[in-house]
N, C-alpha and C. Protein backbone atom coordinates (compact mmCIF):
# COMPACT_ATOMS: atom_id res chain seq x y z
N MET A 1 23.83 -26.46 -28.24
CA MET A 1 23.29 -25.24 -27.66
C MET A 1 23.82 -25.03 -26.24
N ILE A 2 23.71 -26.07 -25.41
CA ILE A 2 24.12 -25.92 -24.02
C ILE A 2 25.63 -25.69 -23.93
N GLU A 3 26.39 -26.37 -24.79
CA GLU A 3 27.84 -26.20 -24.77
C GLU A 3 28.24 -24.76 -25.12
N ASN A 4 27.54 -24.17 -26.08
CA ASN A 4 27.82 -22.78 -26.45
C ASN A 4 27.53 -21.82 -25.29
N LEU A 5 26.45 -22.07 -24.57
CA LEU A 5 26.13 -21.25 -23.41
C LEU A 5 27.16 -21.44 -22.29
N VAL A 6 27.62 -22.66 -22.12
CA VAL A 6 28.65 -22.93 -21.11
C VAL A 6 29.92 -22.15 -21.45
N ILE A 7 30.31 -22.18 -22.73
CA ILE A 7 31.49 -21.44 -23.17
C ILE A 7 31.30 -19.95 -22.91
N GLU A 8 30.16 -19.42 -23.30
CA GLU A 8 29.90 -17.99 -23.12
C GLU A 8 29.88 -17.62 -21.63
N TYR A 9 29.26 -18.46 -20.82
CA TYR A 9 29.16 -18.20 -19.39
C TYR A 9 30.54 -18.16 -18.73
N PHE A 10 31.36 -19.17 -19.00
CA PHE A 10 32.66 -19.21 -18.35
C PHE A 10 33.62 -18.16 -18.91
N THR A 11 33.46 -17.81 -20.16
CA THR A 11 34.25 -16.70 -20.71
C THR A 11 33.89 -15.41 -20.00
N LEU A 12 32.61 -15.19 -19.76
CA LEU A 12 32.18 -14.01 -19.00
C LEU A 12 32.71 -14.04 -17.57
N ARG A 13 32.69 -15.20 -16.96
CA ARG A 13 33.18 -15.31 -15.58
C ARG A 13 34.67 -14.94 -15.51
N ILE A 14 35.44 -15.42 -16.47
CA ILE A 14 36.88 -15.10 -16.51
C ILE A 14 37.06 -13.60 -16.76
N THR A 15 36.26 -13.04 -17.66
CA THR A 15 36.32 -11.61 -17.95
C THR A 15 35.99 -10.79 -16.71
N LYS A 16 34.95 -11.22 -15.99
CA LYS A 16 34.56 -10.51 -14.76
C LYS A 16 35.69 -10.50 -13.76
N MET A 17 36.33 -11.63 -13.57
CA MET A 17 37.44 -11.70 -12.62
C MET A 17 38.59 -10.80 -13.05
N SER A 18 38.81 -10.71 -14.34
CA SER A 18 39.85 -9.83 -14.87
C SER A 18 39.52 -8.37 -14.58
N HIS A 19 38.26 -8.01 -14.74
CA HIS A 19 37.82 -6.64 -14.43
C HIS A 19 38.00 -6.34 -12.95
N ILE A 20 37.69 -7.29 -12.11
CA ILE A 20 37.84 -7.09 -10.67
C ILE A 20 39.31 -6.91 -10.30
N LYS A 21 40.17 -7.76 -10.86
CA LYS A 21 41.60 -7.65 -10.57
C LYS A 21 42.16 -6.32 -11.06
N GLY A 22 41.60 -5.81 -12.16
CA GLY A 22 42.04 -4.54 -12.71
C GLY A 22 41.33 -3.34 -12.09
N LYS A 23 40.52 -3.60 -11.06
CA LYS A 23 39.76 -2.55 -10.35
C LYS A 23 38.84 -1.76 -11.27
N ARG A 24 38.29 -2.44 -12.27
CA ARG A 24 37.30 -1.84 -13.16
C ARG A 24 35.93 -2.38 -12.73
N TYR A 25 35.47 -1.83 -11.61
CA TYR A 25 34.29 -2.38 -10.94
C TYR A 25 32.99 -2.18 -11.71
N SER A 26 32.85 -1.08 -12.42
CA SER A 26 31.60 -0.88 -13.18
C SER A 26 31.52 -1.89 -14.32
N GLU A 27 32.67 -2.18 -14.96
CA GLU A 27 32.68 -3.19 -16.02
C GLU A 27 32.43 -4.58 -15.43
N ALA A 28 32.96 -4.83 -14.25
CA ALA A 28 32.74 -6.11 -13.57
C ALA A 28 31.26 -6.29 -13.24
N ALA A 29 30.61 -5.21 -12.82
CA ALA A 29 29.18 -5.28 -12.49
C ALA A 29 28.34 -5.57 -13.74
N GLU A 30 28.68 -4.92 -14.85
CA GLU A 30 27.96 -5.18 -16.10
C GLU A 30 28.15 -6.63 -16.54
N THR A 31 29.37 -7.11 -16.41
CA THR A 31 29.66 -8.50 -16.79
C THR A 31 28.93 -9.46 -15.87
N ARG A 32 28.87 -9.13 -14.57
CA ARG A 32 28.15 -9.97 -13.60
C ARG A 32 26.68 -10.09 -13.97
N ASP A 33 26.08 -8.97 -14.41
CA ASP A 33 24.66 -8.99 -14.79
C ASP A 33 24.43 -9.91 -15.99
N LYS A 34 25.33 -9.85 -16.97
CA LYS A 34 25.22 -10.75 -18.14
C LYS A 34 25.43 -12.20 -17.71
N GLU A 35 26.37 -12.39 -16.79
CA GLU A 35 26.67 -13.72 -16.28
C GLU A 35 25.44 -14.33 -15.60
N LYS A 36 24.72 -13.53 -14.83
CA LYS A 36 23.52 -14.04 -14.14
C LYS A 36 22.43 -14.45 -15.13
N VAL A 37 22.27 -13.68 -16.20
CA VAL A 37 21.28 -14.03 -17.22
C VAL A 37 21.64 -15.37 -17.86
N LEU A 38 22.91 -15.54 -18.20
CA LEU A 38 23.35 -16.81 -18.79
C LEU A 38 23.22 -17.97 -17.81
N LEU A 39 23.52 -17.72 -16.54
CA LEU A 39 23.38 -18.77 -15.53
C LEU A 39 21.94 -19.25 -15.45
N LYS A 40 21.00 -18.33 -15.51
CA LYS A 40 19.59 -18.70 -15.46
C LYS A 40 19.20 -19.51 -16.69
N GLN A 41 19.69 -19.10 -17.87
CA GLN A 41 19.41 -19.85 -19.10
C GLN A 41 19.99 -21.26 -19.01
N LEU A 42 21.23 -21.37 -18.53
CA LEU A 42 21.86 -22.68 -18.38
C LEU A 42 21.10 -23.55 -17.39
N PHE A 43 20.71 -22.97 -16.27
CA PHE A 43 19.97 -23.72 -15.26
C PHE A 43 18.68 -24.28 -15.86
N CYS A 44 17.97 -23.45 -16.60
CA CYS A 44 16.71 -23.90 -17.20
C CYS A 44 16.96 -25.01 -18.23
N LEU A 45 18.02 -24.88 -19.04
CA LEU A 45 18.33 -25.91 -20.02
C LEU A 45 18.75 -27.22 -19.36
N ILE A 46 19.60 -27.12 -18.38
CA ILE A 46 20.09 -28.32 -17.68
C ILE A 46 18.96 -29.06 -17.01
N ASN A 47 18.00 -28.32 -16.46
CA ASN A 47 16.91 -28.94 -15.71
C ASN A 47 15.60 -29.01 -16.49
N SER A 48 15.65 -28.74 -17.78
CA SER A 48 14.48 -28.81 -18.68
C SER A 48 13.31 -27.99 -18.14
N LEU A 49 13.59 -26.74 -17.80
CA LEU A 49 12.56 -25.84 -17.29
C LEU A 49 12.34 -24.69 -18.27
N GLN A 50 11.15 -24.14 -18.25
CA GLN A 50 10.87 -22.95 -19.06
C GLN A 50 11.39 -21.70 -18.35
N GLU A 51 11.13 -21.63 -17.05
CA GLU A 51 11.57 -20.49 -16.24
C GLU A 51 11.93 -20.99 -14.86
N SER A 52 12.65 -20.13 -14.13
CA SER A 52 13.06 -20.52 -12.79
C SER A 52 13.15 -19.29 -11.90
N ASP A 53 12.83 -19.50 -10.63
CA ASP A 53 13.01 -18.43 -9.65
C ASP A 53 13.98 -18.89 -8.55
N GLU A 54 14.84 -19.86 -8.91
CA GLU A 54 15.85 -20.35 -7.97
C GLU A 54 16.85 -19.24 -7.66
N SER A 55 17.49 -19.36 -6.53
CA SER A 55 18.52 -18.40 -6.15
C SER A 55 19.77 -18.61 -7.01
N THR A 56 20.58 -17.57 -7.10
CA THR A 56 21.82 -17.67 -7.86
C THR A 56 22.69 -18.78 -7.28
N PHE A 57 22.70 -18.91 -5.96
CA PHE A 57 23.48 -19.95 -5.30
C PHE A 57 23.05 -21.34 -5.78
N ASP A 58 21.73 -21.58 -5.80
CA ASP A 58 21.23 -22.89 -6.22
C ASP A 58 21.49 -23.16 -7.70
N MET A 59 21.37 -22.11 -8.52
CA MET A 59 21.64 -22.28 -9.94
C MET A 59 23.12 -22.59 -10.17
N ASP A 60 24.00 -21.91 -9.43
CA ASP A 60 25.43 -22.15 -9.56
C ASP A 60 25.79 -23.55 -9.09
N LYS A 61 25.14 -23.99 -8.03
CA LYS A 61 25.35 -25.34 -7.51
C LYS A 61 24.95 -26.39 -8.55
N SER A 62 23.83 -26.15 -9.22
CA SER A 62 23.36 -27.06 -10.26
C SER A 62 24.33 -27.08 -11.44
N LEU A 63 24.84 -25.91 -11.82
CA LEU A 63 25.80 -25.84 -12.93
C LEU A 63 27.09 -26.56 -12.55
N SER A 64 27.52 -26.40 -11.32
CA SER A 64 28.74 -27.07 -10.87
C SER A 64 28.57 -28.59 -10.95
N LYS A 65 27.42 -29.09 -10.55
CA LYS A 65 27.13 -30.52 -10.62
C LYS A 65 27.15 -30.99 -12.07
N TYR A 66 26.52 -30.21 -12.95
CA TYR A 66 26.50 -30.54 -14.38
C TYR A 66 27.93 -30.60 -14.94
N CYS A 67 28.74 -29.61 -14.59
CA CYS A 67 30.12 -29.56 -15.09
C CYS A 67 30.93 -30.74 -14.56
N LEU A 68 30.71 -31.08 -13.32
CA LEU A 68 31.42 -32.22 -12.73
C LEU A 68 31.05 -33.51 -13.45
N GLU A 69 29.77 -33.69 -13.75
CA GLU A 69 29.31 -34.89 -14.44
C GLU A 69 29.74 -34.91 -15.91
N THR A 70 29.72 -33.74 -16.55
CA THR A 70 29.97 -33.66 -17.99
C THR A 70 31.45 -33.51 -18.33
N TYR A 71 32.15 -32.68 -17.57
CA TYR A 71 33.53 -32.35 -17.91
C TYR A 71 34.56 -32.86 -16.90
N GLY A 72 34.09 -33.39 -15.79
CA GLY A 72 34.99 -33.96 -14.80
C GLY A 72 35.62 -32.95 -13.86
N CYS A 73 35.12 -31.71 -13.86
CA CYS A 73 35.60 -30.72 -12.89
C CYS A 73 34.47 -29.74 -12.59
N SER A 74 34.58 -29.09 -11.44
CA SER A 74 33.50 -28.20 -11.02
C SER A 74 33.57 -26.86 -11.74
N SER A 75 32.53 -26.10 -11.56
CA SER A 75 32.45 -24.78 -12.20
C SER A 75 33.43 -23.79 -11.59
N GLU A 76 34.13 -24.19 -10.54
CA GLU A 76 35.14 -23.32 -9.93
C GLU A 76 36.42 -23.28 -10.76
N SER A 77 36.48 -24.08 -11.82
CA SER A 77 37.66 -24.12 -12.70
C SER A 77 37.27 -23.73 -14.13
N PRO A 78 36.85 -22.47 -14.35
CA PRO A 78 36.35 -22.10 -15.67
C PRO A 78 37.37 -22.26 -16.80
N LYS A 79 38.62 -21.94 -16.55
CA LYS A 79 39.64 -22.10 -17.60
C LYS A 79 39.82 -23.57 -17.98
N LYS A 80 39.77 -24.43 -16.98
CA LYS A 80 39.92 -25.87 -17.23
C LYS A 80 38.74 -26.39 -18.05
N ILE A 81 37.55 -25.95 -17.72
CA ILE A 81 36.36 -26.39 -18.45
C ILE A 81 36.44 -25.92 -19.90
N LEU A 82 36.83 -24.67 -20.11
CA LEU A 82 36.95 -24.15 -21.48
C LEU A 82 38.01 -24.92 -22.27
N THR A 83 39.09 -25.31 -21.60
CA THR A 83 40.13 -26.11 -22.25
C THR A 83 39.59 -27.48 -22.65
N ILE A 84 38.83 -28.10 -21.76
CA ILE A 84 38.25 -29.42 -22.04
C ILE A 84 37.27 -29.34 -23.21
N ILE A 85 36.41 -28.33 -23.21
CA ILE A 85 35.45 -28.17 -24.31
C ILE A 85 36.17 -27.94 -25.62
N ASP A 86 37.20 -27.10 -25.61
CA ASP A 86 37.97 -26.83 -26.82
C ASP A 86 38.61 -28.11 -27.35
N ARG A 87 39.16 -28.90 -26.46
CA ARG A 87 39.79 -30.16 -26.85
C ARG A 87 38.77 -31.12 -27.46
N GLU A 88 37.59 -31.22 -26.83
CA GLU A 88 36.55 -32.10 -27.35
C GLU A 88 36.07 -31.64 -28.73
N GLN A 89 35.93 -30.33 -28.92
CA GLN A 89 35.51 -29.81 -30.22
C GLN A 89 36.56 -30.11 -31.30
N LYS A 90 37.82 -29.99 -30.95
CA LYS A 90 38.89 -30.30 -31.92
C LYS A 90 38.90 -31.78 -32.27
N LEU A 91 38.69 -32.63 -31.27
CA LEU A 91 38.63 -34.06 -31.53
C LEU A 91 37.44 -34.41 -32.43
N LYS A 92 36.31 -33.78 -32.20
CA LYS A 92 35.13 -34.02 -33.04
C LYS A 92 35.39 -33.56 -34.46
N SER A 93 36.05 -32.42 -34.60
CA SER A 93 36.28 -31.86 -35.95
C SER A 93 37.20 -32.75 -36.79
N ILE A 94 38.08 -33.51 -36.15
CA ILE A 94 38.95 -34.40 -36.93
C ILE A 94 38.45 -35.85 -36.91
N GLY A 95 37.25 -36.04 -36.35
CA GLY A 95 36.60 -37.34 -36.39
C GLY A 95 37.09 -38.35 -35.38
N LEU A 96 37.71 -37.89 -34.31
CA LEU A 96 38.18 -38.83 -33.30
C LEU A 96 37.25 -38.98 -32.12
N LYS A 97 36.13 -38.29 -32.16
CA LYS A 97 35.17 -38.41 -31.06
C LYS A 97 33.77 -38.34 -31.57
């Protein structure tokens, strides 16, 4: 469950950055709103909470720590994290992990 949310979150983050680079700011804002909802869900799952009123900064900091511990890199490298997750899923599917 948490891995699927991590994938969805970082995919949205990459999409948001693409919208910003393409100067599609309204699409970037919509993506940012979805990203914040997922960040809150991830924060609650990572910290075993039902709800949270933490700041976005604190939630992002917590996610970065989780990613560093779980995937070996911070949340500032979304493409790298997605690559690592994809690799782990492929290894599991062929029974090597």
